[in-house]
C-alpha atoms as a PDB file:
ATOM      1  CA  MET A   1      27.251  17.899  10.915  1.00  0.00           C
ATOM      2  CA  GLN A   2      24.179  17.301   8.804  1.00  0.00           C
ATOM      3  CA  VAL A   3      22.138  20.290   7.595  1.00  0.00           C
ATOM      4  CA  ASP A   4      18.770  19.675   5.941  1.00  0.00           C
ATOM      5  CA  PHE A   5      16.954  22.381   3.995  1.00  0.00           C
ATOM      6  CA  TYR A   6      13.168  21.885   3.898  1.00  0.00           C
ATOM      7  CA  GLN A   7      11.750  23.870   0.985  1.00  0.00           C
ATOM      8  CA  MET A   8       8.083  24.649   1.473  1.00  0.00           C
ATOM      9  CA  GLY A   9       5.690  24.256  -1.437  1.00  0.00           C
ATOM     10  CA  GLY A  10       2.376  22.712  -2.440  1.00  0.00           C
ATOM     11  CA  ARG A  11       0.217  22.320   0.655  1.00  0.00           C
ATOM     12  CA  PHE A  12       3.124  23.318   2.924  1.00  0.00           C
ATOM     13  CA  THR A  13       3.109  27.117   3.006  1.00  0.00           C
ATOM     14  CA  ASP A  14       3.206  27.852   6.742  1.00  0.00           C
ATOM     15  CA  PRO A  15       6.672  27.592   8.330  1.00  0.00           C
ATOM     16  CA  LEU A  16       5.135  27.102  11.789  1.00  0.00           C
ATOM     17  CA  GLU A  17       3.092  24.124  10.562  1.00  0.00           C
ATOM     18  CA  VAL A  18       6.190  22.592   8.954  1.00  0.00           C
ATOM     19  CA  THR A  19       8.146  23.128  12.167  1.00  0.00           C
ATOM     20  CA  CYS A  20       5.441  21.460  14.271  1.00  0.00           C
ATOM     21  CA  ILE A  21       5.435  18.455  11.943  1.00  0.00           C
ATOM     22  CA  LEU A  22       9.232  18.144  12.067  1.00  0.00           C
ATOM     23  CA  VAL A  23       9.336  18.499  15.860  1.00  0.00           C
ATOM     24  CA  GLY A  24       6.529  15.952  16.190  1.00  0.00           C
ATOM     25  CA  LYS A  25       8.568  13.463  14.167  1.00  0.00           C
ATOM     26  CA  ALA A  26      11.768  14.130  16.131  1.00  0.00           C
ATOM     27  CA  TRP A  27      10.471  14.131  19.713  1.00  0.00           C
ATOM     28  CA  PRO A  28      10.721  12.079  21.956  1.00  0.00           C
ATOM     29  CA  GLY A  29      13.503  10.296  20.075  1.00  0.00           C
ATOM     30  CA  ILE A  30      15.556  13.461  20.258  1.00  0.00           C
ATOM     31  CA  GLN A  31      15.476  15.051  23.708  1.00  0.00           C
ATOM     32  CA  ASN A  32      17.335  18.337  23.128  1.00  0.00           C
ATOM     33  CA  ILE A  33      15.560  20.298  20.377  1.00  0.00           C
ATOM     34  CA  VAL A  34      16.031  24.029  19.874  1.00  0.00           C
ATOM     35  CA  ILE A  35      13.927  26.151  17.530  1.00  0.00           C
ATOM     36  CA  VAL A  36      15.386  29.548  16.646  1.00  0.00           C
ATOM     37  CA  THR A  37      12.830  32.117  15.571  1.00  0.00           C
ATOM     38  CA  THR A  38      12.274  35.855  15.601  1.00  0.00           C
ATOM     39  CA  ALA A  39      10.943  37.652  18.676  1.00  0.00           C
ATOM     40  CA  GLU A  40       7.878  38.576  16.597  1.00  0.00           C
ATOM     41  CA  GLN A  41       7.164  34.920  15.766  1.00  0.00           C
ATOM     42  CA  ILE A  42       7.859  33.276  19.122  1.00  0.00           C
ATOM     43  CA  ASP A  43       4.296  33.707  20.489  1.00  0.00           C
ATOM     44  CA  ALA A  44       2.756  32.186  17.361  1.00  0.00           C
ATOM     45  CA  LEU A  45       5.214  29.272  17.468  1.00  0.00           C
ATOM     46  CA  ASP A  46       4.446  28.684  21.147  1.00  0.00           C
ATOM     47  CA  GLU A  47       0.725  28.577  20.348  1.00  0.00           C
ATOM     48  CA  ALA A  48       1.241  26.308  17.316  1.00  0.00           C
ATOM     49  CA  LEU A  49       3.175  23.760  19.389  1.00  0.00           C
ATOM     50  CA  TRP A  50       0.254  23.549  21.844  1.00  0.00           C
ATOM     51  CA  SER A  51      -2.212  22.640  19.085  1.00  0.00           C
ATOM     52  CA  SER A  52      -0.171  20.748  16.503  1.00  0.00           C
ATOM     53  CA  PRO A  53       0.241  17.958  15.786  1.00  0.00           C
ATOM     54  CA  ALA A  54      -3.303  17.176  16.872  1.00  0.00           C
ATOM     55  CA  GLY A  55      -3.597  14.880  19.861  1.00  0.00           C
ATOM     56  CA  ARG A  56       0.064  15.219  20.934  1.00  0.00           C
ATOM     57  CA  PHE A  57       1.762  17.239  23.597  1.00  0.00           C
ATOM     58  CA  LEU A  58       5.183  18.604  22.682  1.00  0.00           C
ATOM     59  CA  PRO A  59       6.845  19.808  25.912  1.00  0.00           C
ATOM     60  CA  HIS A  60       8.372  23.158  25.095  1.00  0.00           C
ATOM     61  CA  GLY A  61       9.634  26.236  26.887  1.00  0.00           C
ATOM     62  CA  ARG A  62      10.652  29.744  25.959  1.00  0.00           C
ATOM     63  CA  ASP A  63      13.929  31.566  26.544  1.00  0.00           C
ATOM     64  CA  GLY A  64      15.452  29.663  29.428  1.00  0.00           C
ATOM     65  CA  GLU A  65      12.504  27.611  30.668  1.00  0.00           C
ATOM     66  CA  SER A  66      13.479  24.007  31.275  1.00  0.00           C
ATOM     67  CA  ALA A  67      11.943  21.773  28.595  1.00  0.00           C
ATOM     68  CA  PRO A  68      13.224  19.298  26.003  1.00  0.00           C
ATOM     69  CA  ILE A  69      12.033  21.616  23.206  1.00  0.00           C
ATOM     70  CA  GLN A  70      13.320  25.188  23.521  1.00  0.00           C
ATOM     71  CA  LEU A  71      12.023  28.247  21.642  1.00  0.00           C
ATOM     72  CA  LEU A  72      14.832  30.795  21.402  1.00  0.00           C
ATOM     73  CA  THR A  73      15.722  33.934  19.487  1.00  0.00           C
ATOM     74  CA  GLU A  74      19.427  32.984  19.331  1.00  0.00           C
ATOM     75  CA  ALA A  75      21.100  29.636  18.771  1.00  0.00           C
ATOM     76  CA  PRO A  76      22.698  28.077  21.860  1.00  0.00           C
ATOM     77  CA  MET A  77      26.159  26.547  21.803  1.00  0.00           C
ATOM     78  CA  GLN A  78      24.809  22.980  21.814  1.00  0.00           C
ATOM     79  CA  ALA A  79      21.700  21.051  20.770  1.00  0.00           C
ATOM     80  CA  ASP A  80      20.952  17.645  19.361  1.00  0.00           C
ATOM     81  CA  LEU A  81      18.579  19.211  16.810  1.00  0.00           C
ATOM     82  CA  LEU A  82      18.531  22.882  15.843  1.00  0.00           C
ATOM     83  CA  ILE A  83      15.635  24.137  13.698  1.00  0.00           C
ATOM     84  CA  ASN A  84      16.083  27.592  12.204  1.00  0.00           C
ATOM     85  CA  LEU A  85      13.036  29.700  11.310  1.00  0.00           C
ATOM     86  CA  ASP A  86      14.975  32.968  11.059  1.00  0.00           C
ATOM     87  CA  PRO A  87      16.932  33.238   7.788  1.00  0.00           C
ATOM     88  CA  SER A  88      18.452  36.527   8.982  1.00  0.00           C
ATOM     89  CA  ALA A  89      19.965  34.903  12.089  1.00  0.00           C
ATOM     90  CA  PRO A  90      23.736  34.495  12.063  1.00  0.00           C
ATOM     91  CA  LEU A  91      25.002  31.062  11.116  1.00  0.00           C
ATOM     92  CA  PRO A  92      25.279  29.206  14.442  1.00  0.00           C
ATOM     93  CA  THR A  93      28.752  28.230  15.584  1.00  0.00           C
ATOM     94  CA  GLY A  94      27.918  25.689  18.271  1.00  0.00           C
ATOM     95  CA  GLN A  95      27.820  21.910  18.245  1.00  0.00           C
ATOM     96  CA  TYR A  96      24.716  20.323  16.762  1.00  0.00           C
ATOM     97  CA  ASP A  97      24.056  16.788  15.593  1.00  0.00           C
ATOM     98  CA  ARG A  98      21.643  18.073  12.973  1.00  0.00           C
ATOM     99  CA  VAL A  99      20.346  21.419  11.744  1.00  0.00           C
ATOM    100  CA  LEU A 100      17.089  21.989   9.854  1.00  0.00           C
ATOM    101  CA  GLU A 101      16.665  25.152   7.795  1.00  0.00           C
ATOM    102  CA  ILE A 102      13.090  25.995   6.810  1.00  0.00           C
ATOM    103  CA  VAL A 103      12.981  27.514   3.302  1.00  0.00           C
ATOM    104  CA  PRO A 104       9.995  29.795   2.561  1.00  0.00           C
ATOM    105  CA  ALA A 105       7.728  29.159  -0.407  1.00  0.00           C
ATOM    106  CA  THR A 106       8.280  32.541  -2.079  1.00  0.00           C
ATOM    107  CA  GLU A 107      11.228  33.145  -4.382  1.00  0.00           C
ATOM    108  CA  GLN A 108      12.155  36.471  -2.763  1.00  0.00           C
ATOM    109  CA  ALA A 109      12.224  34.935   0.729  1.00  0.00           C
ATOM    110  CA  ARG A 110      14.460  32.084  -0.466  1.00  0.00           C
ATOM    111  CA  GLU A 111      17.461  34.268  -1.315  1.00  0.00           C
ATOM    112  CA  PRO A 112      18.839  34.461   2.266  1.00  0.00           C
ATOM    113  CA  LEU A 113      18.598  30.652   2.475  1.00  0.00           C
ATOM    114  CA  ARG A 114      20.689  30.284  -0.680  1.00  0.00           C
ATOM    115  CA  ALA A 115      23.415  32.255   1.083  1.00  0.00           C
ATOM    116  CA  ARG A 116      23.029  30.022   4.167  1.00  0.00           C
ATOM    117  CA  TRP A 117      23.432  26.945   1.936  1.00  0.00           C
ATOM    118  CA  ARG A 118      26.742  28.342   0.633  1.00  0.00           C
ATOM    119  CA  ASP A 119      27.834  29.267   4.169  1.00  0.00           C
ATOM    120  CA  TRP A 120      27.065  25.793   5.536  1.00  0.00           C
ATOM    121  CA  LYS A 121      28.894  24.232   2.587  1.00  0.00           C
ATOM    122  CA  THR A 122      31.936  26.384   3.366  1.00  0.00           C
ATOM    123  CA  GLN A 123      31.754  25.108   6.974  1.00  0.00           C
ATOM    124  CA  GLY A 124      31.962  21.529   5.670  1.00  0.00           C
ATOM    125  CA  ALA A 125      28.419  20.480   6.583  1.00  0.00           C
ATOM    126  CA  GLN A 126      26.748  17.542   4.863  1.00  0.00           C
ATOM    127  CA  LEU A 127      23.854  19.244   3.012  1.00  0.00           C
ATOM    128  CA  ASN A 128      20.487  17.774   2.019  1.00  0.00           C
ATOM    129  CA  HIS A 129      17.516  19.354   0.246  1.00  0.00           C
ATOM    130  CA  HIS A 130      13.911  18.231   0.765  1.00  0.00           C
ATOM    131  CA  ALA A 131      11.112  19.666  -1.390  1.00  0.00           C
ATOM    132  CA  LEU A 132       7.802  19.609   0.475  1.00  0.00           C
ATOM    133  CA  LYS A 133       4.729  19.212  -1.707  1.00  0.00           C
END
């Protein structure tokens, strides 16, 4: 399994914007996309996917609605692409072709993602780091 860590920085400071960009690049090539986020953030993510990227419609649903892009508060057991916006979520144990971890721009917020990096490495995942500028 491939796990990519996207470290925000420069003009990329909003995790929802970064997620919309990544989903926009993945869909429709990837048909089973799951975004894991907190219950507090799910409304904002839903709204962001309606307006970004500009001029595109990204078909998404929340908690059980049928859509190729799912917004969930817990990782399912299977997805082609899993995007994690919740660094406090447990490391998922399902089957995923690829996992994207969004790393916040602030040093304090990055610490839980460092632990996730070590956890994924222990699981034998192929790890990649991308610095967004």
